[in-house]
């Protein structure tokens, strides 16, 4: 035997039945989504309101990772439409680097261009149409009452953006296999 064991790609780590957490880092709120154990569907989980203390925000993310025994975290990278890293993308890269030190699982950055725009568009569609479109595309219905931003039935825009981000990553990985 030559050399050490091969190092798997981050998306392969814990791929057997371990969920993936999607994170949309915002200035005031952090959207959180979670995949199913088969890594096929993403669903909104919650919105973490920024506390003003980065370490507290990261502990809240780590608690979600632990709650679901997730094997991977996917953080949105807000590239410009041209694909360049502007101030928001650089801030996400910097925060992801700090978050990597807090988490016990791998963390990936994934292009999140237009996820918030898409989330806003979906949020304003009639509920029946969103459910019908979700079934057509194999996407889950939003869970009720999980957001800290609204009442029953309200899914925070940040959690919805995190769900779109995570679903994009899941679809991309499924297409690569």
Foldseek 3Di string as FASTA:
>chain_A
DDDDDDDDDQCVFVQQQAKEWFWEDDPFKIWIWIAGSNLQEIEGAEIHGDPVDLVVVLVVVQVVCVVRVHQEYEYEQAADPVRHRDPSNVVSVVSVVVSCVVHPHYYHYFYLYCLLVVLVVLVPDPLVVSCVVCVVVVYDRYAFDRYPPDGTPDRDSNSSSRRVRSNVVSVVVVVVD
